[in-house]
Amino acid sequence: MSRKNTGFAADLAAGIDLSEETPPPRRSGLASNVLTGRSNRLADLASGAIVNRTHELVDPARCRMWAGHNRDYALLTEERCADLIESIKAQGRQEMPAIVRRVSGDPDFDFEVICGARRHWSITWLRTHNYPDFKFLVDVREIGDEEAFRLADIENRARDDLTDLERARDYLRALDTYYDGRQKTMAERLKVSESWLTRYLDLARLPEELTRAFVNPQDLGIRNAMALKGLLKPEDRKARAYKEAARLSEAQAASGEALPVLDVIKALTLAVDPPKRSGSPKRSGKPETISSSTGKPVLRIEGADRKGIRLTLLSKGGASRQDAEEAIRAVLDQHWA
C-alpha cells in the first residue's frame, strides 16, 4: 500500500471506537413511560397518597335521603332550588357530585344521600319537567354515621339556603346520637367554639308552644334565640309567653298575613313583662340580669324610660366578650324598633 493510502486508512481507523465501554442508555419509549406512570399511581393508591373517587350517574329514584341528613327535604321547592335548576339546565348536566353511600337489604334503593339533597331534588324535578335524560351524579363513599354528619356539616355550614333552624335541629340530634350529650366533645370534633355551638342548640331547644307564634319558624335565626330564651323563666313568665304565642298564631291564621319576626318577639316580650301603668315612668320593672349559657352574668337592664333603656355591662362577671356581644344583640332584637 502506498504511503498516501496508508495515511488515509489510518485516518479512517482513528474515528472508530473499539473500546468495550457501555453505550449511553436509549431514551425510554412511550409504552415504558405509560407503564411506569400506572405503576406509580397504583403504588400511591395502595399507600393512601391518592384517594380514588368513584363517580356514577344514577337514577335519582334509586336514592333515598340519609336519616341524619341536615336539610329538611320536605321544605325544598322549585323556588328554593331555582338557581341550581337553571345552572344544571345551562350546563346540560350536574357539575358537582352528591356524596352518597351504598345501602343493602332495601330493594327500592341502592344509595342514600349524605350531602346533596338540593341536587337530588333538582334532578328529580327536571326529569319530570322536560329533561327525562338527566342523571344524578354521585360520589360513592364508605363512611360511618358520625363521619357522615361532620362531612355534611362542613359542606353545608357556609350555605345561605340552609336555615339556622335546620342546622340547629341537626346539631341537637347529633349531640345525643354521636357525642352522648357532651357538648365540648362535639365542638372539638366540629372545630368550632362551645359558645358558637350553644347558640344553635338554644335555638333548637325553643319549645313548639313558643315558636308557634311564628308563621314560618324557619325564619328564626340564632340572633333571635337569646331573646326568646329569656322569656321562658320563671314559670309565670313562660306561661304568659305561651298564651301570647297561641293568640298570635290564631290572629295570623285568621288574617292570612305573617308578622315580621321582630314584631312577634316584641309582642311576646310585652305580654311577658307588660309596662307598669302607675308609678314613675323612669323605670319599667326591676333590674333584669342577663347571663351567658354557662350562667355567668353578662349585663343588667336597669330600667327604661321615654328616652331609652339603661344597661350596665358586668365586665367582671366572668363572661366573655362574645357572650356580651350576643346579649347586646338580643336586647337590640327585643327593644329596637
C-alpha atoms as a PDB file:
ATOM      1  CA  MET A   1       0.000   0.000   0.000  1.00  0.00           C
ATOM      2  CA  SER A   2       1.382   3.347  -0.951  1.00  0.00           C
ATOM      3  CA  ARG A   3       2.344   5.763   1.755  1.00  0.00           C
ATOM      4  CA  LYS A   4      -0.518   8.032   0.711  1.00  0.00           C
ATOM      5  CA  ASN A   5      -3.147   5.258   1.006  1.00  0.00           C
ATOM      6  CA  THR A   6      -1.689   4.099   4.296  1.00  0.00           C
ATOM      7  CA  GLY A   7      -2.161   7.549   5.796  1.00  0.00           C
ATOM      8  CA  PHE A   8      -5.772   7.698   4.551  1.00  0.00           C
ATOM      9  CA  ALA A   9      -6.618   4.286   6.160  1.00  0.00           C
ATOM     10  CA  ALA A  10      -5.078   5.400   9.427  1.00  0.00           C
ATOM     11  CA  ASP A  11      -7.298   8.482   9.471  1.00  0.00           C
ATOM     12  CA  LEU A  12     -10.406   6.316   8.987  1.00  0.00           C
ATOM     13  CA  ALA A  13      -9.438   3.882  11.738  1.00  0.00           C
ATOM     14  CA  ALA A  14      -8.868   6.771  14.185  1.00  0.00           C
ATOM     15  CA  GLY A  15     -12.596   7.607  14.113  1.00  0.00           C
ATOM     16  CA  ILE A  16     -13.656   4.090  15.194  1.00  0.00           C
ATOM     17  CA  ASP A  17     -14.052   3.487  18.991  1.00  0.00           C
ATOM     18  CA  LEU A  18     -13.054  -0.136  19.645  1.00  0.00           C
ATOM     19  CA  SER A  19     -13.262   0.105  23.468  1.00  0.00           C
ATOM     20  CA  GLU A  20     -15.759  -2.056  25.461  1.00  0.00           C
ATOM     21  CA  GLU A  21     -17.380   0.845  27.370  1.00  0.00           C
ATOM     22  CA  THR A  22     -21.169   0.601  27.801  1.00  0.00           C
ATOM     23  CA  PRO A  23     -23.022   2.815  25.318  1.00  0.00           C
ATOM     24  CA  PRO A  24     -25.301   5.537  26.736  1.00  0.00           C
ATOM     25  CA  PRO A  25     -28.823   4.275  27.550  1.00  0.00           C
ATOM     26  CA  ARG A  26     -31.505   4.806  24.970  1.00  0.00           C
ATOM     27  CA  ARG A  27     -34.400   7.091  25.829  1.00  0.00           C
ATOM     28  CA  SER A  28     -37.335   5.065  27.146  1.00  0.00           C
ATOM     29  CA  GLY A  29     -40.209   4.647  24.800  1.00  0.00           C
ATOM     30  CA  LEU A  30     -43.811   5.828  25.220  1.00  0.00           C
ATOM     31  CA  ALA A  31     -45.017   2.380  26.296  1.00  0.00           C
ATOM     32  CA  SER A  32     -42.404   2.266  29.056  1.00  0.00           C
ATOM     33  CA  ASN A  33     -43.437   5.706  30.352  1.00  0.00           C
ATOM     34  CA  VAL A  34     -47.102   4.700  30.417  1.00  0.00           C
ATOM     35  CA  LEU A  35     -46.383   1.517  32.343  1.00  0.00           C
ATOM     36  CA  THR A  36     -44.178   3.369  34.814  1.00  0.00           C
ATOM     37  CA  GLY A  37     -46.877   6.018  35.360  1.00  0.00           C
ATOM     38  CA  ARG A  38     -49.506   3.354  36.014  1.00  0.00           C
ATOM     39  CA  SER A  39     -47.178   1.552  38.402  1.00  0.00           C
ATOM     40  CA  ASN A  40     -46.526   4.760  40.341  1.00  0.00           C
ATOM     41  CA  ARG A  41     -50.244   5.584  40.582  1.00  0.00           C
ATOM     42  CA  LEU A  42     -51.066   2.084  41.827  1.00  0.00           C
ATOM     43  CA  ALA A  43     -48.367   2.462  44.465  1.00  0.00           C
ATOM     44  CA  ASP A  44     -49.793   5.844  45.526  1.00  0.00           C
ATOM     45  CA  LEU A  45     -53.304   4.385  45.757  1.00  0.00           C
ATOM     46  CA  ALA A  46     -52.046   1.489  47.850  1.00  0.00           C
ATOM     47  CA  SER A  47     -50.203   3.831  50.232  1.00  0.00           C
ATOM     48  CA  GLY A  48     -53.163   6.218  50.594  1.00  0.00           C
ATOM     49  CA  ALA A  49     -51.327   9.143  48.971  1.00  0.00           C
ATOM     50  CA  ILE A  50     -54.116   9.299  46.372  1.00  0.00           C
ATOM     51  CA  VAL A  51     -57.798   8.641  47.093  1.00  0.00           C
ATOM     52  CA  ASN A  52     -59.632   7.187  44.139  1.00  0.00           C
ATOM     53  CA  ARG A  53     -63.210   8.513  43.989  1.00  0.00           C
ATOM     54  CA  THR A  54     -65.958   6.604  42.236  1.00  0.00           C
ATOM     55  CA  HIS A  55     -68.422   8.854  40.417  1.00  0.00           C
ATOM     56  CA  GLU A  56     -71.545   7.324  38.955  1.00  0.00           C
ATOM     57  CA  LEU A  57     -74.565   8.596  37.045  1.00  0.00           C
ATOM     58  CA  VAL A  58     -77.627   7.002  38.618  1.00  0.00           C
ATOM     59  CA  ASP A  59     -81.389   7.228  38.647  1.00  0.00           C
ATOM     60  CA  PRO A  60     -82.370   9.626  41.489  1.00  0.00           C
ATOM     61  CA  ALA A  61     -85.375   7.418  42.223  1.00  0.00           C
ATOM     62  CA  ARG A  62     -82.913   4.763  43.431  1.00  0.00           C
ATOM     63  CA  CYS A  63     -81.537   7.139  46.065  1.00  0.00           C
ATOM     64  CA  ARG A  64     -83.075   7.890  49.456  1.00  0.00           C
ATOM     65  CA  MET A  65     -82.176  10.636  51.937  1.00  0.00           C
ATOM     66  CA  TRP A  66     -79.956   9.566  54.825  1.00  0.00           C
ATOM     67  CA  ALA A  67     -81.919   9.703  58.086  1.00  0.00           C
ATOM     68  CA  GLY A  68     -79.251  12.027  59.527  1.00  0.00           C
ATOM     69  CA  HIS A  69     -79.322  14.491  56.629  1.00  0.00           C
ATOM     70  CA  ASN A  70     -79.231  18.069  57.918  1.00  0.00           C
ATOM     71  CA  ARG A  71     -81.659  19.500  55.391  1.00  0.00           C
ATOM     72  CA  ASP A  72     -85.432  19.230  55.645  1.00  0.00           C
ATOM     73  CA  TYR A  73     -86.174  17.659  52.252  1.00  0.00           C
ATOM     74  CA  ALA A  74     -89.902  18.430  52.589  1.00  0.00           C
ATOM     75  CA  LEU A  75     -89.114  22.168  52.570  1.00  0.00           C
ATOM     76  CA  LEU A  76     -87.411  22.061  49.154  1.00  0.00           C
ATOM     77  CA  THR A  77     -89.383  23.739  46.393  1.00  0.00           C
ATOM     78  CA  GLU A  78     -88.835  24.956  42.861  1.00  0.00           C
ATOM     79  CA  GLU A  79     -88.259  28.441  44.281  1.00  0.00           C
ATOM     80  CA  ARG A  80     -85.611  27.317  46.787  1.00  0.00           C
ATOM     81  CA  CYS A  81     -83.802  25.312  44.095  1.00  0.00           C
ATOM     82  CA  ALA A  82     -84.299  27.762  41.199  1.00  0.00           C
ATOM     83  CA  ASP A  83     -80.627  28.765  40.937  1.00  0.00           C
ATOM     84  CA  LEU A  84     -79.446  25.157  40.869  1.00  0.00           C
ATOM     85  CA  ILE A  85     -82.111  24.115  38.360  1.00  0.00           C
ATOM     86  CA  GLU A  86     -81.064  26.883  35.964  1.00  0.00           C
ATOM     87  CA  SER A  87     -77.388  26.007  36.396  1.00  0.00           C
ATOM     88  CA  ILE A  88     -77.983  22.337  35.546  1.00  0.00           C
ATOM     89  CA  LYS A  89     -80.049  23.292  32.510  1.00  0.00           C
ATOM     90  CA  ALA A  90     -77.363  25.719  31.305  1.00  0.00           C
ATOM     91  CA  GLN A  91     -74.527  23.191  31.751  1.00  0.00           C
ATOM     92  CA  GLY A  92     -76.546  20.297  30.393  1.00  0.00           C
ATOM     93  CA  ARG A  93     -75.591  18.187  33.395  1.00  0.00           C
ATOM     94  CA  GLN A  94     -74.982  18.216  37.135  1.00  0.00           C
ATOM     95  CA  GLU A  95     -71.459  19.538  37.727  1.00  0.00           C
ATOM     96  CA  MET A  96     -70.885  18.806  41.423  1.00  0.00           C
ATOM     97  CA  PRO A  97     -71.482  15.208  42.561  1.00  0.00           C
ATOM     98  CA  ALA A  98     -73.574  14.476  45.629  1.00  0.00           C
ATOM     99  CA  ILE A  99     -71.953  12.351  48.318  1.00  0.00           C
ATOM    100  CA  VAL A 100     -73.706   9.035  48.864  1.00  0.00           C
ATOM    101  CA  ARG A 101     -73.089   5.613  50.324  1.00  0.00           C
ATOM    102  CA  ARG A 102     -74.424   2.266  49.219  1.00  0.00           C
ATOM    103  CA  VAL A 103     -77.300   0.595  51.046  1.00  0.00           C
ATOM    104  CA  SER A 104     -78.077  -3.075  51.275  1.00  0.00           C
ATOM    105  CA  GLY A 105     -81.187  -5.011  52.113  1.00  0.00           C
ATOM    106  CA  ASP A 106     -83.538  -2.435  50.597  1.00  0.00           C
ATOM    107  CA  PRO A 107     -84.963  -3.498  47.226  1.00  0.00           C
ATOM    108  CA  ASP A 108     -86.222   0.022  46.500  1.00  0.00           C
ATOM    109  CA  PHE A 109     -82.928   1.907  46.876  1.00  0.00           C
ATOM    110  CA  ASP A 110     -79.261   1.483  46.004  1.00  0.00           C
ATOM    111  CA  PHE A 111     -77.842   4.593  47.701  1.00  0.00           C
ATOM    112  CA  GLU A 112     -78.585   7.077  50.477  1.00  0.00           C
ATOM    113  CA  VAL A 113     -77.643  10.741  50.096  1.00  0.00           C
ATOM    114  CA  ILE A 114     -75.260  12.181  52.708  1.00  0.00           C
ATOM    115  CA  CYS A 115     -74.751  15.576  51.043  1.00  0.00           C
ATOM    116  CA  GLY A 116     -76.711  16.858  48.069  1.00  0.00           C
ATOM    117  CA  ALA A 117     -80.426  16.965  48.845  1.00  0.00           C
ATOM    118  CA  ARG A 118     -80.920  20.056  46.653  1.00  0.00           C
ATOM    119  CA  ARG A 119     -79.064  18.381  43.773  1.00  0.00           C
ATOM    120  CA  HIS A 120     -81.214  15.269  44.183  1.00  0.00           C
ATOM    121  CA  TRP A 121     -84.434  17.300  44.322  1.00  0.00           C
ATOM    122  CA  SER A 122     -83.426  19.418  41.307  1.00  0.00           C
ATOM    123  CA  ILE A 123     -82.514  16.445  39.100  1.00  0.00           C
ATOM    124  CA  THR A 124     -85.733  14.691  40.108  1.00  0.00           C
ATOM    125  CA  TRP A 125     -87.749  17.801  39.275  1.00  0.00           C
ATOM    126  CA  LEU A 126     -86.016  18.270  35.918  1.00  0.00           C
ATOM    127  CA  ARG A 127     -86.644  14.643  34.925  1.00  0.00           C
ATOM    128  CA  THR A 128     -90.385  15.285  35.314  1.00  0.00           C
ATOM    129  CA  HIS A 129     -90.224  18.666  33.535  1.00  0.00           C
ATOM    130  CA  ASN A 130     -88.961  18.004  30.007  1.00  0.00           C
ATOM    131  CA  TYR A 131     -85.488  16.665  30.888  1.00  0.00           C
ATOM    132  CA  PRO A 132     -86.024  12.889  31.344  1.00  0.00           C
ATOM    133  CA  ASP A 133     -82.446  12.008  30.341  1.00  0.00           C
ATOM    134  CA  PHE A 134     -80.748  13.827  33.216  1.00  0.00           C
ATOM    135  CA  LYS A 135     -78.970  11.535  35.675  1.00  0.00           C
ATOM    136  CA  PHE A 136     -77.952  12.075  39.281  1.00  0.00           C
ATOM    137  CA  LEU A 137     -74.146  12.390  39.625  1.00  0.00           C
ATOM    138  CA  VAL A 138     -72.904  10.805  42.853  1.00  0.00           C
ATOM    139  CA  ASP A 139     -69.605  10.327  44.671  1.00  0.00           C
ATOM    140  CA  VAL A 140     -69.777   6.936  46.385  1.00  0.00           C
ATOM    141  CA  ARG A 141     -68.108   6.800  49.818  1.00  0.00           C
ATOM    142  CA  GLU A 142     -67.709   4.223  52.565  1.00  0.00           C
ATOM    143  CA  ILE A 143     -68.207   6.191  55.788  1.00  0.00           C
ATOM    144  CA  GLY A 144     -69.874   5.808  59.176  1.00  0.00           C
ATOM    145  CA  ASP A 145     -72.683   7.935  60.596  1.00  0.00           C
ATOM    146  CA  GLU A 146     -70.575  10.319  62.704  1.00  0.00           C
ATOM    147  CA  GLU A 147     -68.160  10.981  59.854  1.00  0.00           C
ATOM    148  CA  ALA A 148     -71.135  11.455  57.520  1.00  0.00           C
ATOM    149  CA  PHE A 149     -72.589  14.033  59.919  1.00  0.00           C
ATOM    150  CA  ARG A 150     -69.343  16.008  60.027  1.00  0.00           C
ATOM    151  CA  LEU A 151     -68.919  15.803  56.267  1.00  0.00           C
ATOM    152  CA  ALA A 152     -72.450  17.114  55.672  1.00  0.00           C
ATOM    153  CA  ASP A 153     -71.913  19.896  58.218  1.00  0.00           C
ATOM    154  CA  ILE A 154     -68.694  21.064  56.581  1.00  0.00           C
ATOM    155  CA  GLU A 155     -70.284  21.127  53.125  1.00  0.00           C
ATOM    156  CA  ASN A 156     -73.421  22.991  54.247  1.00  0.00           C
ATOM    157  CA  ARG A 157     -72.097  25.282  57.005  1.00  0.00           C
ATOM    158  CA  ALA A 158     -71.468  28.230  54.698  1.00  0.00           C
ATOM    159  CA  ARG A 159     -74.600  27.785  52.570  1.00  0.00           C
ATOM    160  CA  ASP A 160     -77.191  30.546  52.827  1.00  0.00           C
ATOM    161  CA  ASP A 161     -80.000  28.268  51.625  1.00  0.00           C
ATOM    162  CA  LEU A 162     -79.790  26.139  54.786  1.00  0.00           C
ATOM    163  CA  THR A 163     -81.697  27.884  57.570  1.00  0.00           C
ATOM    164  CA  ASP A 164     -80.343  28.364  61.080  1.00  0.00           C
ATOM    165  CA  LEU A 165     -83.195  26.274  62.453  1.00  0.00           C
ATOM    166  CA  GLU A 166     -82.457  23.339  60.136  1.00  0.00           C
ATOM    167  CA  ARG A 167     -78.803  23.425  61.161  1.00  0.00           C
ATOM    168  CA  ALA A 168     -79.686  23.874  64.843  1.00  0.00           C
ATOM    169  CA  ARG A 169     -82.006  20.870  64.929  1.00  0.00           C
ATOM    170  CA  ASP A 170     -79.371  18.772  63.192  1.00  0.00           C
ATOM    171  CA  TYR A 171     -76.812  19.736  65.864  1.00  0.00           C
ATOM    172  CA  LEU A 172     -79.222  18.930  68.693  1.00  0.00           C
ATOM    173  CA  ARG A 173     -79.966  15.499  67.215  1.00  0.00           C
ATOM    174  CA  ALA A 174     -76.254  14.794  66.691  1.00  0.00           C
ATOM    175  CA  LEU A 175     -75.354  15.873  70.235  1.00  0.00           C
ATOM    176  CA  ASP A 176     -77.094  12.839  71.748  1.00  0.00           C
ATOM    177  CA  THR A 177     -76.736  10.464  68.800  1.00  0.00           C
ATOM    178  CA  TYR A 178     -72.978  10.737  68.265  1.00  0.00           C
ATOM    179  CA  TYR A 179     -71.497  12.541  71.284  1.00  0.00           C
ATOM    180  CA  ASP A 180     -73.530  11.233  74.266  1.00  0.00           C
ATOM    181  CA  GLY A 181     -74.662  14.751  75.114  1.00  0.00           C
ATOM    182  CA  ARG A 182     -71.092  16.047  75.549  1.00  0.00           C
ATOM    183  CA  GLN A 183     -71.179  19.497  74.005  1.00  0.00           C
ATOM    184  CA  LYS A 184     -67.441  20.125  74.468  1.00  0.00           C
ATOM    185  CA  THR A 185     -66.570  16.933  72.597  1.00  0.00           C
ATOM    186  CA  MET A 186     -68.931  17.819  69.785  1.00  0.00           C
ATOM    187  CA  ALA A 187     -67.468  21.335  69.464  1.00  0.00           C
ATOM    188  CA  GLU A 188     -63.957  19.878  69.275  1.00  0.00           C
ATOM    189  CA  ARG A 189     -64.955  17.389  66.568  1.00  0.00           C
ATOM    190  CA  LEU A 190     -66.641  20.127  64.528  1.00  0.00           C
ATOM    191  CA  LYS A 191     -63.721  22.517  65.188  1.00  0.00           C
ATOM    192  CA  VAL A 192     -65.985  25.297  66.490  1.00  0.00           C
ATOM    193  CA  SER A 193     -66.209  27.120  69.818  1.00  0.00           C
ATOM    194  CA  GLU A 194     -68.603  25.936  72.513  1.00  0.00           C
ATOM    195  CA  SER A 195     -70.319  29.343  72.609  1.00  0.00           C
ATOM    196  CA  TRP A 196     -70.898  29.183  68.837  1.00  0.00           C
ATOM    197  CA  LEU A 197     -72.459  25.730  69.181  1.00  0.00           C
ATOM    198  CA  THR A 198     -74.530  26.827  72.201  1.00  0.00           C
ATOM    199  CA  ARG A 199     -76.311  29.497  70.179  1.00  0.00           C
ATOM    200  CA  TYR A 200     -77.568  26.884  67.708  1.00  0.00           C
ATOM    201  CA  LEU A 201     -78.558  24.436  70.441  1.00  0.00           C
ATOM    202  CA  ASP A 202     -80.521  27.183  72.220  1.00  0.00           C
ATOM    203  CA  LEU A 203     -82.429  27.838  69.005  1.00  0.00           C
ATOM    204  CA  ALA A 204     -83.211  24.145  68.509  1.00  0.00           C
ATOM    205  CA  ARG A 205     -84.431  23.803  72.103  1.00  0.00           C
ATOM    206  CA  LEU A 206     -87.060  26.536  71.846  1.00  0.00           C
ATOM    207  CA  PRO A 207     -90.384  24.804  72.617  1.00  0.00           C
ATOM    208  CA  GLU A 208     -93.095  24.490  69.989  1.00  0.00           C
ATOM    209  CA  GLU A 209     -95.514  26.273  72.354  1.00  0.00           C
ATOM    210  CA  LEU A 210     -93.393  29.381  71.794  1.00  0.00           C
ATOM    211  CA  THR A 211     -92.310  29.017  68.155  1.00  0.00           C
ATOM    212  CA  ARG A 212     -95.933  28.542  67.068  1.00  0.00           C
ATOM    213  CA  ALA A 213     -96.164  32.338  67.262  1.00  0.00           C
ATOM    214  CA  PHE A 214     -94.136  32.475  64.034  1.00  0.00           C
ATOM    215  CA  VAL A 215     -95.924  31.518  60.834  1.00  0.00           C
ATOM    216  CA  ASN A 216     -92.643  30.230  59.424  1.00  0.00           C
ATOM    217  CA  PRO A 217     -90.272  29.198  62.244  1.00  0.00           C
ATOM    218  CA  GLN A 218     -87.569  28.677  59.598  1.00  0.00           C
ATOM    219  CA  ASP A 219     -87.212  32.477  59.568  1.00  0.00           C
ATOM    220  CA  LEU A 220     -85.829  32.371  63.109  1.00  0.00           C
ATOM    221  CA  GLY A 221     -82.085  32.859  63.396  1.00  0.00           C
ATOM    222  CA  ILE A 222     -79.578  32.309  66.160  1.00  0.00           C
ATOM    223  CA  ARG A 223     -79.721  36.056  66.885  1.00  0.00           C
ATOM    224  CA  ASN A 224     -83.341  35.609  67.962  1.00  0.00           C
ATOM    225  CA  ALA A 225     -82.696  32.619  70.208  1.00  0.00           C
ATOM    226  CA  MET A 226     -81.344  34.526  73.211  1.00  0.00           C
ATOM    227  CA  ALA A 227     -84.241  36.999  73.270  1.00  0.00           C
ATOM    228  CA  LEU A 228     -86.779  34.169  73.111  1.00  0.00           C
ATOM    229  CA  LYS A 229     -84.921  32.001  75.612  1.00  0.00           C
ATOM    230  CA  GLY A 230     -85.135  34.826  78.138  1.00  0.00           C
ATOM    231  CA  LEU A 231     -88.952  34.649  78.057  1.00  0.00           C
ATOM    232  CA  LEU A 232     -89.064  31.126  79.472  1.00  0.00           C
ATOM    233  CA  LYS A 233     -88.078  31.817  83.093  1.00  0.00           C
ATOM    234  CA  PRO A 234     -89.570  31.828  85.639  1.00  0.00           C
ATOM    235  CA  GLU A 235     -92.681  29.737  85.163  1.00  0.00           C
ATOM    236  CA  ASP A 236     -95.189  32.604  85.340  1.00  0.00           C
ATOM    237  CA  ARG A 237     -93.406  34.481  82.540  1.00  0.00           C
ATOM    238  CA  LYS A 238     -93.243  31.299  80.460  1.00  0.00           C
ATOM    239  CA  ALA A 239     -96.987  30.777  80.893  1.00  0.00           C
ATOM    240  CA  ARG A 240     -97.700  34.304  79.659  1.00  0.00           C
ATOM    241  CA  ALA A 241     -95.350  33.768  76.689  1.00  0.00           C
ATOM    242  CA  TYR A 242     -97.147  30.561  75.708  1.00  0.00           C
ATOM    243  CA  LYS A 243    -100.534  32.223  75.980  1.00  0.00           C
ATOM    244  CA  GLU A 244     -99.458  35.151  73.801  1.00  0.00           C
ATOM    245  CA  ALA A 245     -97.859  32.783  71.266  1.00  0.00           C
ATOM    246  CA  ALA A 246    -101.176  30.939  70.896  1.00  0.00           C
ATOM    247  CA  ARG A 247    -103.012  34.248  70.436  1.00  0.00           C
ATOM    248  CA  LEU A 248    -100.551  35.452  67.797  1.00  0.00           C
ATOM    249  CA  SER A 249    -100.786  32.149  65.950  1.00  0.00           C
ATOM    250  CA  GLU A 250    -104.568  32.322  65.771  1.00  0.00           C
ATOM    251  CA  ALA A 251    -104.570  36.008  64.780  1.00  0.00           C
ATOM    252  CA  GLN A 252    -102.141  35.483  61.906  1.00  0.00           C
ATOM    253  CA  ALA A 253    -104.026  32.415  60.684  1.00  0.00           C
ATOM    254  CA  ALA A 254    -107.265  34.417  60.663  1.00  0.00           C
ATOM    255  CA  SER A 255    -105.741  37.374  58.803  1.00  0.00           C
ATOM    256  CA  GLY A 256    -103.716  35.283  56.393  1.00  0.00           C
ATOM    257  CA  GLU A 257    -100.722  37.568  56.954  1.00  0.00           C
ATOM    258  CA  ALA A 258     -97.477  36.745  58.747  1.00  0.00           C
ATOM    259  CA  LEU A 259     -95.974  39.285  61.121  1.00  0.00           C
ATOM    260  CA  PRO A 260     -92.236  40.020  60.847  1.00  0.00           C
ATOM    261  CA  VAL A 261     -90.087  38.058  63.271  1.00  0.00           C
ATOM    262  CA  LEU A 262     -89.050  41.110  65.301  1.00  0.00           C
ATOM    263  CA  ASP A 263     -92.672  42.259  65.653  1.00  0.00           C
ATOM    264  CA  VAL A 264     -93.624  38.858  67.056  1.00  0.00           C
ATOM    265  CA  ILE A 265     -90.717  38.964  69.512  1.00  0.00           C
ATOM    266  CA  LYS A 266     -91.788  42.431  70.686  1.00  0.00           C
ATOM    267  CA  ALA A 267     -95.376  41.279  71.188  1.00  0.00           C
ATOM    268  CA  LEU A 268     -94.217  38.270  73.204  1.00  0.00           C
ATOM    269  CA  THR A 269     -91.944  40.454  75.332  1.00  0.00           C
ATOM    270  CA  LEU A 270     -94.699  42.941  76.103  1.00  0.00           C
ATOM    271  CA  ALA A 271     -97.033  40.101  77.082  1.00  0.00           C
ATOM    272  CA  VAL A 272     -94.450  38.589  79.415  1.00  0.00           C
ATOM    273  CA  ASP A 273     -93.354  41.876  81.024  1.00  0.00           C
ATOM    274  CA  PRO A 274     -96.107  44.452  80.471  1.00  0.00           C
ATOM    275  CA  PRO A 275     -95.139  48.063  81.337  1.00  0.00           C
ATOM    276  CA  LYS A 276     -96.377  49.358  84.659  1.00  0.00           C
ATOM    277  CA  ARG A 277     -99.414  51.641  84.485  1.00  0.00           C
ATOM    278  CA  SER A 278     -98.642  53.526  87.667  1.00  0.00           C
ATOM    279  CA  GLY A 279     -95.628  54.962  89.397  1.00  0.00           C
ATOM    280  CA  SER A 280     -92.648  56.705  87.942  1.00  0.00           C
ATOM    281  CA  PRO A 281     -92.247  56.314  84.195  1.00  0.00           C
ATOM    282  CA  LYS A 282     -88.499  56.370  84.621  1.00  0.00           C
ATOM    283  CA  ARG A 283     -88.340  52.673  85.439  1.00  0.00           C
ATOM    284  CA  SER A 284     -90.083  49.656  83.927  1.00  0.00           C
ATOM    285  CA  GLY A 285     -89.882  46.834  86.445  1.00  0.00           C
ATOM    286  CA  LYS A 286     -86.988  45.533  88.487  1.00  0.00           C
ATOM    287  CA  PRO A 287     -83.468  45.291  87.113  1.00  0.00           C
ATOM    288  CA  GLU A 288     -83.067  42.185  84.973  1.00  0.00           C
ATOM    289  CA  THR A 289     -79.750  40.366  84.736  1.00  0.00           C
ATOM    290  CA  ILE A 290     -78.947  38.527  81.508  1.00  0.00           C
ATOM    291  CA  SER A 291     -76.500  35.637  81.855  1.00  0.00           C
ATOM    292  CA  SER A 292     -74.460  33.585  79.423  1.00  0.00           C
ATOM    293  CA  SER A 293     -75.193  29.964  78.568  1.00  0.00           C
ATOM    294  CA  THR A 294     -72.784  28.962  81.363  1.00  0.00           C
ATOM    295  CA  GLY A 295     -74.604  31.071  83.946  1.00  0.00           C
ATOM    296  CA  LYS A 296     -72.101  33.959  84.068  1.00  0.00           C
ATOM    297  CA  PRO A 297     -73.748  37.412  84.386  1.00  0.00           C
ATOM    298  CA  VAL A 298     -73.246  39.480  81.223  1.00  0.00           C
ATOM    299  CA  LEU A 299     -75.335  42.653  81.591  1.00  0.00           C
ATOM    300  CA  ARG A 300     -78.105  44.121  83.679  1.00  0.00           C
ATOM    301  CA  ILE A 301     -81.101  46.004  82.301  1.00  0.00           C
ATOM    302  CA  GLU A 302     -81.522  48.734  84.933  1.00  0.00           C
ATOM    303  CA  GLY A 303     -84.745  50.085  83.525  1.00  0.00           C
ATOM    304  CA  ALA A 304     -86.311  52.119  80.750  1.00  0.00           C
ATOM    305  CA  ASP A 305     -87.956  55.484  80.299  1.00  0.00           C
ATOM    306  CA  ARG A 306     -89.214  57.543  77.406  1.00  0.00           C
ATOM    307  CA  LYS A 307     -85.670  58.233  76.253  1.00  0.00           C
ATOM    308  CA  GLY A 308     -84.453  54.676  76.138  1.00  0.00           C
ATOM    309  CA  ILE A 309     -83.033  51.714  78.048  1.00  0.00           C
ATOM    310  CA  ARG A 310     -80.270  51.816  80.664  1.00  0.00           C
ATOM    311  CA  LEU A 311     -77.794  48.941  80.673  1.00  0.00           C
ATOM    312  CA  THR A 312     -74.886  48.013  82.900  1.00  0.00           C
ATOM    313  CA  LEU A 313     -72.204  45.783  81.392  1.00  0.00           C
ATOM    314  CA  LEU A 314     -70.969  43.326  84.024  1.00  0.00           C
ATOM    315  CA  SER A 315     -67.443  43.050  82.644  1.00  0.00           C
ATOM    316  CA  LYS A 316     -66.108  41.452  85.833  1.00  0.00           C
ATOM    317  CA  GLY A 317     -68.754  38.733  85.980  1.00  0.00           C
ATOM    318  CA  GLY A 318     -66.655  36.091  84.221  1.00  0.00           C
ATOM    319  CA  ALA A 319     -68.438  36.115  80.848  1.00  0.00           C
ATOM    320  CA  SER A 320     -66.534  36.528  77.593  1.00  0.00           C
ATOM    321  CA  ARG A 321     -66.668  39.423  75.144  1.00  0.00           C
ATOM    322  CA  GLN A 322     -68.536  37.158  72.735  1.00  0.00           C
ATOM    323  CA  ASP A 323     -71.161  36.497  75.411  1.00  0.00           C
ATOM    324  CA  ALA A 324     -71.557  40.257  75.870  1.00  0.00           C
ATOM    325  CA  GLU A 325     -71.951  40.857  72.134  1.00  0.00           C
ATOM    326  CA  GLU A 326     -74.621  38.165  71.921  1.00  0.00           C
ATOM    327  CA  ALA A 327     -76.503  39.591  74.895  1.00  0.00           C
ATOM    328  CA  ILE A 328     -76.442  43.109  73.443  1.00  0.00           C
ATOM    329  CA  ARG A 329     -77.706  41.805  70.093  1.00  0.00           C
ATOM    330  CA  ALA A 330     -80.540  40.057  71.916  1.00  0.00           C
ATOM    331  CA  VAL A 331     -81.502  43.298  73.666  1.00  0.00           C
ATOM    332  CA  LEU A 332     -81.447  45.127  70.328  1.00  0.00           C
ATOM    333  CA  ASP A 333     -83.658  42.476  68.726  1.00  0.00           C
ATOM    334  CA  GLN A 334     -86.060  42.798  71.625  1.00  0.00           C
ATOM    335  CA  HIS A 335     -86.284  46.565  72.007  1.00  0.00           C
ATOM    336  CA  TRP A 336     -85.010  48.309  68.887  1.00  0.00           C
ATOM    337  CA  ALA A 337     -87.732  49.460  66.524  1.00  0.00           C
END
